[in-house]
Amino acid sequence: MNTEPISIDGVAGPIVVTTNAFWGRTAVTVGGVPAPRTGKRQYALSAVAGGAVEATVRSAFADPYPTVEVNGVQHRTGPSVPVVLRVLAPLPILLVAVGGALGGLIGALGFVANLADARTRTPSVVKALIMVGVSVVAYVVWLAIAVAVRGAVSPS
């Protein structure tokens, strides 16, 4: 998932942060050119006056937009997400408590779908309804697979 380009004073072009939906790894480009990684979350961004500016990319749990910190100043790469949506987004992950590995896999897919929904430009109420729907679908899919596996393993 790519963020919208943001401009930061002293950096030689618009910054775009790309986040891998499954692994959470980030990649940063400045003016379309990949920025070299200097640490786990640190990048060297091309500076206007030549050289490089150190930047740190931070991601909060259930927040679809990472934050880029340059010279101690944090810059959001997208709009702030209401708390209600940040609570609803990880609901499918609760499947791991009752569904084990299968529940965790289905829950993780639901969580990724909810984060993708949080990035859309629809109203927050619609996003919340979609997130609840994704959670319900995840639980129904897990239940259907669990019943099918149990029926196959121990026929009555």
N, C-alpha and C. Protein backbone atom coordinates (compact mmCIF):
# COMPACT_ATOMS: atom_id res chain seq x y z
N MET A 1 0.84 -1.17 0.00
CA MET A 1 0.00 0.00 0.00
C MET A 1 0.88 1.24 0.00
N ASN A 2 0.65 2.12 -0.92
CA ASN A 2 1.41 3.36 -1.02
C ASN A 2 0.66 4.50 -0.35
N THR A 3 1.42 5.40 0.27
CA THR A 3 0.81 6.60 0.83
C THR A 3 0.78 7.67 -0.24
N GLU A 4 0.05 8.73 0.01
CA GLU A 4 0.08 9.88 -0.87
C GLU A 4 1.43 10.57 -0.69
N PRO A 5 1.95 11.21 -1.73
CA PRO A 5 3.23 11.91 -1.58
C PRO A 5 3.12 13.06 -0.58
N ILE A 6 4.14 13.19 0.28
CA ILE A 6 4.19 14.32 1.21
C ILE A 6 5.49 15.08 0.97
N SER A 7 5.46 16.37 1.25
CA SER A 7 6.65 17.21 1.10
C SER A 7 7.15 17.60 2.48
N ILE A 8 8.47 17.49 2.66
CA ILE A 8 9.10 17.86 3.92
C ILE A 8 10.24 18.82 3.59
N ASP A 9 10.31 19.92 4.32
CA ASP A 9 11.36 20.91 4.09
C ASP A 9 12.74 20.26 4.22
N GLY A 10 13.59 20.56 3.26
CA GLY A 10 14.95 20.05 3.28
C GLY A 10 15.14 18.73 2.54
N VAL A 11 14.04 18.10 2.14
CA VAL A 11 14.12 16.83 1.42
C VAL A 11 13.89 17.12 -0.07
N ALA A 12 14.69 16.48 -0.90
CA ALA A 12 14.73 16.79 -2.34
C ALA A 12 13.63 16.12 -3.15
N GLY A 13 12.41 16.23 -2.74
CA GLY A 13 11.31 15.68 -3.53
C GLY A 13 10.22 15.13 -2.65
N PRO A 14 9.09 14.76 -3.28
CA PRO A 14 7.98 14.19 -2.51
C PRO A 14 8.34 12.80 -1.99
N ILE A 15 7.90 12.51 -0.77
CA ILE A 15 8.19 11.24 -0.10
C ILE A 15 6.96 10.36 -0.18
N VAL A 16 7.16 9.11 -0.59
CA VAL A 16 6.09 8.11 -0.62
C VAL A 16 6.56 6.91 0.19
N VAL A 17 5.72 6.46 1.12
CA VAL A 17 6.03 5.28 1.93
C VAL A 17 5.17 4.13 1.44
N THR A 18 5.81 3.01 1.11
CA THR A 18 5.11 1.81 0.68
C THR A 18 5.21 0.79 1.80
N THR A 19 4.05 0.25 2.22
CA THR A 19 4.02 -0.74 3.29
C THR A 19 3.50 -2.05 2.74
N ASN A 20 4.23 -3.14 3.01
CA ASN A 20 3.78 -4.46 2.63
C ASN A 20 2.64 -4.84 3.56
N ALA A 21 1.49 -5.19 3.01
CA ALA A 21 0.29 -5.45 3.80
C ALA A 21 0.45 -6.65 4.74
N PHE A 22 1.20 -7.66 4.33
CA PHE A 22 1.31 -8.87 5.14
C PHE A 22 2.46 -8.82 6.13
N TRP A 23 3.61 -8.31 5.74
CA TRP A 23 4.79 -8.35 6.59
C TRP A 23 5.03 -7.05 7.31
N GLY A 24 4.42 -5.96 6.87
CA GLY A 24 4.60 -4.68 7.53
C GLY A 24 5.90 -3.98 7.20
N ARG A 25 6.70 -4.52 6.30
CA ARG A 25 7.95 -3.87 5.91
C ARG A 25 7.65 -2.63 5.10
N THR A 26 8.45 -1.60 5.32
CA THR A 26 8.24 -0.35 4.60
C THR A 26 9.39 -0.10 3.63
N ALA A 27 9.09 0.65 2.60
CA ALA A 27 10.08 1.14 1.65
C ALA A 27 9.75 2.61 1.41
N VAL A 28 10.77 3.43 1.27
CA VAL A 28 10.57 4.87 1.11
C VAL A 28 11.20 5.30 -0.20
N THR A 29 10.48 6.16 -0.93
CA THR A 29 11.04 6.76 -2.14
C THR A 29 11.00 8.28 -1.99
N VAL A 30 11.99 8.92 -2.56
CA VAL A 30 12.05 10.39 -2.59
C VAL A 30 12.10 10.78 -4.05
N GLY A 31 11.04 11.41 -4.53
CA GLY A 31 10.97 11.80 -5.94
C GLY A 31 11.01 10.59 -6.86
N GLY A 32 10.48 9.46 -6.42
CA GLY A 32 10.45 8.25 -7.23
C GLY A 32 11.70 7.39 -7.13
N VAL A 33 12.71 7.86 -6.40
CA VAL A 33 13.97 7.12 -6.26
C VAL A 33 13.98 6.45 -4.89
N PRO A 34 14.24 5.13 -4.82
CA PRO A 34 14.26 4.45 -3.51
C PRO A 34 15.32 5.05 -2.58
N ALA A 35 14.93 5.29 -1.34
CA ALA A 35 15.85 5.80 -0.32
C ALA A 35 16.55 4.61 0.33
N PRO A 36 17.86 4.70 0.51
CA PRO A 36 18.58 3.58 1.13
C PRO A 36 18.22 3.43 2.61
N ARG A 37 18.08 2.19 3.03
CA ARG A 37 17.78 1.88 4.43
C ARG A 37 19.09 1.93 5.21
N THR A 38 19.09 2.63 6.35
CA THR A 38 20.29 2.74 7.17
C THR A 38 20.14 1.99 8.49
N GLY A 39 18.96 1.52 8.79
CA GLY A 39 18.68 0.79 10.02
C GLY A 39 17.36 0.08 9.87
N LYS A 40 16.84 -0.46 10.98
CA LYS A 40 15.59 -1.21 10.91
C LYS A 40 14.44 -0.36 10.36
N ARG A 41 14.30 0.86 10.86
CA ARG A 41 13.24 1.76 10.39
C ARG A 41 13.80 3.08 9.91
N GLN A 42 15.11 3.17 9.74
CA GLN A 42 15.75 4.43 9.36
C GLN A 42 16.10 4.41 7.87
N TYR A 43 15.98 5.59 7.29
CA TYR A 43 16.29 5.77 5.87
C TYR A 43 17.10 7.05 5.69
N ALA A 44 17.93 7.07 4.66
CA ALA A 44 18.68 8.26 4.29
C ALA A 44 17.96 8.90 3.10
N LEU A 45 17.31 10.03 3.33
CA LEU A 45 16.55 10.71 2.29
C LEU A 45 17.44 11.76 1.63
N SER A 46 17.34 11.88 0.33
CA SER A 46 18.13 12.88 -0.41
C SER A 46 17.74 14.28 0.05
N ALA A 47 18.76 15.09 0.38
CA ALA A 47 18.52 16.45 0.85
C ALA A 47 18.58 17.43 -0.32
N VAL A 48 17.94 18.58 -0.15
CA VAL A 48 17.92 19.62 -1.19
C VAL A 48 19.32 20.13 -1.46
N ALA A 49 20.09 20.34 -0.41
CA ALA A 49 21.44 20.91 -0.56
C ALA A 49 22.49 19.83 -0.79
N GLY A 50 22.07 18.65 -1.18
CA GLY A 50 23.00 17.53 -1.34
C GLY A 50 23.14 16.79 -0.03
N GLY A 51 23.70 15.62 -0.09
CA GLY A 51 23.83 14.81 1.11
C GLY A 51 22.53 14.09 1.42
N ALA A 52 22.37 13.76 2.69
CA ALA A 52 21.19 13.00 3.09
C ALA A 52 20.64 13.51 4.42
N VAL A 53 19.36 13.28 4.61
CA VAL A 53 18.66 13.60 5.84
C VAL A 53 18.18 12.28 6.42
N GLU A 54 18.45 12.05 7.71
CA GLU A 54 18.00 10.82 8.36
C GLU A 54 16.50 10.91 8.66
N ALA A 55 15.80 9.82 8.37
CA ALA A 55 14.36 9.76 8.65
C ALA A 55 14.04 8.42 9.29
N THR A 56 13.06 8.42 10.17
CA THR A 56 12.58 7.20 10.82
C THR A 56 11.12 7.02 10.47
N VAL A 57 10.74 5.82 10.05
CA VAL A 57 9.35 5.52 9.71
C VAL A 57 8.76 4.72 10.87
N ARG A 58 7.65 5.22 11.43
CA ARG A 58 6.99 4.54 12.54
C ARG A 58 5.57 4.19 12.13
N SER A 59 5.15 3.00 12.57
CA SER A 59 3.78 2.56 12.31
C SER A 59 3.12 2.21 13.63
N ALA A 60 1.96 2.78 13.89
CA ALA A 60 1.20 2.45 15.09
C ALA A 60 0.27 1.28 14.78
N PHE A 61 -0.04 0.48 15.79
CA PHE A 61 -0.92 -0.66 15.60
C PHE A 61 -2.29 -0.18 15.13
N ALA A 62 -2.81 -0.83 14.11
CA ALA A 62 -4.14 -0.56 13.54
C ALA A 62 -4.24 0.84 12.93
N ASP A 63 -3.12 1.44 12.60
CA ASP A 63 -3.13 2.73 11.90
C ASP A 63 -2.59 2.48 10.50
N PRO A 64 -3.40 2.70 9.47
CA PRO A 64 -2.96 2.39 8.11
C PRO A 64 -1.92 3.35 7.54
N TYR A 65 -1.68 4.46 8.23
CA TYR A 65 -0.75 5.47 7.71
C TYR A 65 0.46 5.59 8.63
N PRO A 66 1.65 5.26 8.14
CA PRO A 66 2.84 5.43 8.98
C PRO A 66 3.20 6.90 9.13
N THR A 67 4.10 7.18 10.06
CA THR A 67 4.59 8.52 10.32
C THR A 67 6.07 8.57 9.96
N VAL A 68 6.49 9.64 9.29
CA VAL A 68 7.89 9.83 8.94
C VAL A 68 8.43 10.93 9.85
N GLU A 69 9.49 10.60 10.61
CA GLU A 69 10.11 11.57 11.51
C GLU A 69 11.42 12.04 10.92
N VAL A 70 11.52 13.35 10.71
CA VAL A 70 12.73 13.98 10.17
C VAL A 70 13.12 15.11 11.10
N ASN A 71 14.34 15.08 11.59
CA ASN A 71 14.85 16.11 12.49
C ASN A 71 13.96 16.32 13.71
N GLY A 72 13.42 15.24 14.25
CA GLY A 72 12.58 15.30 15.44
C GLY A 72 11.14 15.74 15.20
N VAL A 73 10.79 16.02 13.96
CA VAL A 73 9.42 16.45 13.64
C VAL A 73 8.71 15.28 12.93
N GLN A 74 7.53 14.93 13.44
CA GLN A 74 6.77 13.82 12.85
C GLN A 74 5.82 14.35 11.80
N HIS A 75 5.79 13.63 10.66
CA HIS A 75 4.92 13.99 9.54
C HIS A 75 4.04 12.79 9.21
N ARG A 76 2.72 12.95 9.33
CA ARG A 76 1.80 11.86 8.99
C ARG A 76 1.75 11.72 7.48
N THR A 77 1.62 10.48 7.03
CA THR A 77 1.53 10.22 5.59
C THR A 77 0.09 10.09 5.13
N GLY A 78 -0.84 10.34 6.02
CA GLY A 78 -2.26 10.29 5.68
C GLY A 78 -3.07 10.94 6.78
N PRO A 79 -4.38 11.02 6.59
CA PRO A 79 -5.22 11.65 7.61
C PRO A 79 -5.29 10.81 8.88
N SER A 80 -5.62 11.45 9.99
CA SER A 80 -5.76 10.69 11.24
C SER A 80 -7.00 9.80 11.14
N VAL A 81 -6.91 8.63 11.78
CA VAL A 81 -7.98 7.64 11.73
C VAL A 81 -8.73 7.70 13.06
N PRO A 82 -10.06 7.79 13.03
CA PRO A 82 -10.82 7.84 14.28
C PRO A 82 -10.55 6.60 15.16
N VAL A 83 -10.62 6.80 16.47
CA VAL A 83 -10.34 5.73 17.42
C VAL A 83 -11.27 4.54 17.21
N VAL A 84 -12.52 4.79 16.89
CA VAL A 84 -13.48 3.71 16.67
C VAL A 84 -12.99 2.78 15.57
N LEU A 85 -12.46 3.34 14.49
CA LEU A 85 -11.97 2.51 13.39
C LEU A 85 -10.71 1.76 13.80
N ARG A 86 -9.88 2.38 14.64
CA ARG A 86 -8.66 1.70 15.10
C ARG A 86 -9.00 0.57 16.06
N VAL A 87 -10.18 0.62 16.69
CA VAL A 87 -10.63 -0.48 17.55
C VAL A 87 -11.27 -1.58 16.70
N LEU A 88 -12.05 -1.19 15.70
CA LEU A 88 -12.74 -2.18 14.86
C LEU A 88 -11.79 -2.93 13.92
N ALA A 89 -10.74 -2.28 13.45
CA ALA A 89 -9.85 -2.90 12.46
C ALA A 89 -9.26 -4.24 12.92
N PRO A 90 -8.75 -4.36 14.15
CA PRO A 90 -8.15 -5.64 14.54
C PRO A 90 -9.13 -6.68 15.07
N LEU A 91 -10.43 -6.43 15.05
CA LEU A 91 -11.40 -7.41 15.57
C LEU A 91 -11.23 -8.82 15.00
N PRO A 92 -10.98 -8.98 13.70
CA PRO A 92 -10.84 -10.36 13.19
C PRO A 92 -9.69 -11.13 13.82
N ILE A 93 -8.69 -10.44 14.34
CA ILE A 93 -7.54 -11.12 14.93
C ILE A 93 -7.94 -11.89 16.19
N LEU A 94 -9.04 -11.51 16.82
CA LEU A 94 -9.50 -12.24 18.00
C LEU A 94 -9.83 -13.69 17.69
N LEU A 95 -9.95 -14.02 16.42
CA LEU A 95 -10.18 -15.41 16.01
C LEU A 95 -9.06 -16.33 16.46
N VAL A 96 -7.88 -15.81 16.64
CA VAL A 96 -6.76 -16.64 17.07
C VAL A 96 -7.04 -17.25 18.45
N ALA A 97 -7.81 -16.58 19.29
CA ALA A 97 -8.12 -17.08 20.62
C ALA A 97 -9.00 -18.33 20.58
N VAL A 98 -9.91 -18.40 19.63
CA VAL A 98 -10.81 -19.55 19.54
C VAL A 98 -10.48 -20.48 18.39
N GLY A 99 -9.75 -19.98 17.40
CA GLY A 99 -9.52 -20.76 16.20
C GLY A 99 -8.11 -21.21 15.96
N GLY A 100 -7.21 -20.93 16.88
CA GLY A 100 -5.82 -21.36 16.72
C GLY A 100 -5.17 -20.78 15.48
N ALA A 101 -4.35 -21.60 14.83
CA ALA A 101 -3.60 -21.13 13.66
C ALA A 101 -4.53 -20.77 12.51
N LEU A 102 -5.55 -21.60 12.28
CA LEU A 102 -6.50 -21.31 11.21
C LEU A 102 -7.24 -20.00 11.50
N GLY A 103 -7.68 -19.82 12.73
CA GLY A 103 -8.34 -18.58 13.12
C GLY A 103 -7.42 -17.39 12.99
N GLY A 104 -6.15 -17.58 13.35
CA GLY A 104 -5.17 -16.50 13.21
C GLY A 104 -4.95 -16.11 11.77
N LEU A 105 -4.89 -17.10 10.88
CA LEU A 105 -4.70 -16.81 9.45
C LEU A 105 -5.90 -16.06 8.88
N ILE A 106 -7.08 -16.55 9.16
CA ILE A 106 -8.29 -15.89 8.67
C ILE A 106 -8.43 -14.51 9.31
N GLY A 107 -8.11 -14.40 10.61
CA GLY A 107 -8.16 -13.11 11.30
C GLY A 107 -7.17 -12.11 10.73
N ALA A 108 -5.96 -12.59 10.39
CA ALA A 108 -4.95 -11.69 9.81
C ALA A 108 -5.41 -11.18 8.45
N LEU A 109 -6.02 -12.04 7.66
CA LEU A 109 -6.54 -11.60 6.36
C LEU A 109 -7.65 -10.56 6.54
N GLY A 110 -8.51 -10.79 7.54
CA GLY A 110 -9.56 -9.81 7.84
C GLY A 110 -8.99 -8.49 8.32
N PHE A 111 -7.94 -8.55 9.12
CA PHE A 111 -7.28 -7.34 9.62
C PHE A 111 -6.68 -6.55 8.46
N VAL A 112 -6.02 -7.24 7.54
CA VAL A 112 -5.44 -6.57 6.36
C VAL A 112 -6.55 -5.92 5.53
N ALA A 113 -7.67 -6.63 5.38
CA ALA A 113 -8.80 -6.06 4.63
C ALA A 113 -9.35 -4.82 5.34
N ASN A 114 -9.41 -4.86 6.66
CA ASN A 114 -9.91 -3.70 7.40
C ASN A 114 -8.96 -2.50 7.30
N LEU A 115 -7.65 -2.76 7.30
CA LEU A 115 -6.70 -1.65 7.13
C LEU A 115 -6.82 -1.05 5.73
N ALA A 116 -7.04 -1.90 4.73
CA ALA A 116 -7.24 -1.39 3.37
C ALA A 116 -8.52 -0.54 3.32
N ASP A 117 -9.56 -0.99 4.03
CA ASP A 117 -10.81 -0.23 4.10
C ASP A 117 -10.58 1.12 4.78
N ALA A 118 -9.74 1.14 5.80
CA ALA A 118 -9.49 2.39 6.54
C ALA A 118 -8.82 3.44 5.65
N ARG A 119 -8.15 3.01 4.58
CA ARG A 119 -7.48 3.95 3.68
C ARG A 119 -8.40 4.52 2.60
N THR A 120 -9.60 4.00 2.46
CA THR A 120 -10.49 4.50 1.42
C THR A 120 -11.02 5.87 1.79
N ARG A 121 -11.60 6.54 0.83
CA ARG A 121 -12.11 7.90 1.04
C ARG A 121 -13.60 7.92 1.38
N THR A 122 -14.14 6.82 1.84
CA THR A 122 -15.55 6.77 2.22
C THR A 122 -15.73 7.35 3.63
N PRO A 123 -16.95 7.75 3.98
CA PRO A 123 -17.20 8.29 5.32
C PRO A 123 -16.89 7.25 6.41
N SER A 124 -16.55 7.74 7.59
CA SER A 124 -16.16 6.86 8.70
C SER A 124 -17.25 5.87 9.09
N VAL A 125 -18.51 6.29 9.00
CA VAL A 125 -19.61 5.39 9.35
C VAL A 125 -19.65 4.20 8.39
N VAL A 126 -19.45 4.45 7.11
CA VAL A 126 -19.44 3.38 6.12
C VAL A 126 -18.23 2.47 6.35
N LYS A 127 -17.09 3.06 6.65
CA LYS A 127 -15.90 2.27 6.95
C LYS A 127 -16.15 1.35 8.14
N ALA A 128 -16.79 1.89 9.18
CA ALA A 128 -17.08 1.09 10.38
C ALA A 128 -18.00 -0.07 10.04
N LEU A 129 -19.03 0.18 9.24
CA LEU A 129 -19.94 -0.90 8.85
C LEU A 129 -19.22 -1.96 8.03
N ILE A 130 -18.35 -1.54 7.14
CA ILE A 130 -17.58 -2.50 6.34
C ILE A 130 -16.67 -3.32 7.25
N MET A 131 -16.04 -2.69 8.22
CA MET A 131 -15.15 -3.41 9.13
C MET A 131 -15.91 -4.44 9.96
N VAL A 132 -17.10 -4.08 10.41
CA VAL A 132 -17.93 -5.04 11.15
C VAL A 132 -18.31 -6.19 10.22
N GLY A 133 -18.67 -5.86 8.97
CA GLY A 133 -19.01 -6.90 8.00
C GLY A 133 -17.84 -7.83 7.71
N VAL A 134 -16.64 -7.28 7.56
CA VAL A 134 -15.45 -8.11 7.33
C VAL A 134 -15.22 -9.03 8.52
N SER A 135 -15.40 -8.51 9.74
CA SER A 135 -15.22 -9.33 10.94
C SER A 135 -16.24 -10.47 10.98
N VAL A 136 -17.48 -10.16 10.67
CA VAL A 136 -18.53 -11.20 10.65
C VAL A 136 -18.21 -12.26 9.60
N VAL A 137 -17.82 -11.84 8.42
CA VAL A 137 -17.47 -12.78 7.36
C VAL A 137 -16.29 -13.65 7.78
N ALA A 138 -15.29 -13.07 8.43
CA ALA A 138 -14.13 -13.84 8.89
C ALA A 138 -14.57 -14.91 9.88
N TYR A 139 -15.44 -14.56 10.83
CA TYR A 139 -15.91 -15.53 11.81
C TYR A 139 -16.74 -16.63 11.14
N VAL A 140 -17.59 -16.27 10.17
CA VAL A 140 -18.41 -17.26 9.47
C VAL A 140 -17.53 -18.20 8.64
N VAL A 141 -16.54 -17.65 7.96
CA VAL A 141 -15.62 -18.49 7.17
C VAL A 141 -14.88 -19.45 8.09
N TRP A 142 -14.38 -18.96 9.22
CA TRP A 142 -13.68 -19.84 10.16
C TRP A 142 -14.61 -20.94 10.66
N LEU A 143 -15.84 -20.57 11.02
CA LEU A 143 -16.79 -21.56 11.53
C LEU A 143 -17.11 -22.61 10.46
N ALA A 144 -17.31 -22.18 9.22
CA ALA A 144 -17.61 -23.12 8.13
C ALA A 144 -16.45 -24.09 7.91
N ILE A 145 -15.23 -23.58 7.92
CA ILE A 145 -14.07 -24.46 7.73
C ILE A 145 -13.91 -25.39 8.91
N ALA A 146 -14.11 -24.88 10.13
CA ALA A 146 -13.99 -25.72 11.32
C ALA A 146 -15.02 -26.84 11.32
N VAL A 147 -16.25 -26.54 10.95
CA VAL A 147 -17.29 -27.57 10.89
C VAL A 147 -16.99 -28.59 9.81
N ALA A 148 -16.51 -28.13 8.66
CA ALA A 148 -16.17 -29.05 7.57
C ALA A 148 -15.01 -29.96 7.97
N VAL A 149 -14.00 -29.43 8.61
CA VAL A 149 -12.86 -30.24 9.03
C VAL A 149 -13.28 -31.23 10.10
N ARG A 150 -14.08 -30.80 11.05
CA ARG A 150 -14.53 -31.70 12.10
C ARG A 150 -15.39 -32.81 11.53
N GLY A 151 -16.25 -32.47 10.56
CA GLY A 151 -17.07 -33.49 9.92
C GLY A 151 -16.24 -34.49 9.13
N ALA A 152 -15.16 -34.04 8.52
CA ALA A 152 -14.30 -34.93 7.74
C ALA A 152 -13.45 -35.81 8.64
N VAL A 153 -13.04 -35.28 9.79
CA VAL A 153 -12.16 -36.02 10.68
C VAL A 153 -12.94 -37.02 11.51
N SER A 154 -14.07 -36.64 12.03
CA SER A 154 -14.87 -37.54 12.88
C SER A 154 -16.31 -37.58 12.42
N PRO A 155 -16.57 -38.38 11.37
CA PRO A 155 -17.96 -38.49 10.90
C PRO A 155 -18.85 -39.16 11.94
N SER A 156 -20.07 -38.67 12.06
CA SER A 156 -20.99 -39.19 13.08
C SER A 156 -21.60 -40.49 12.67
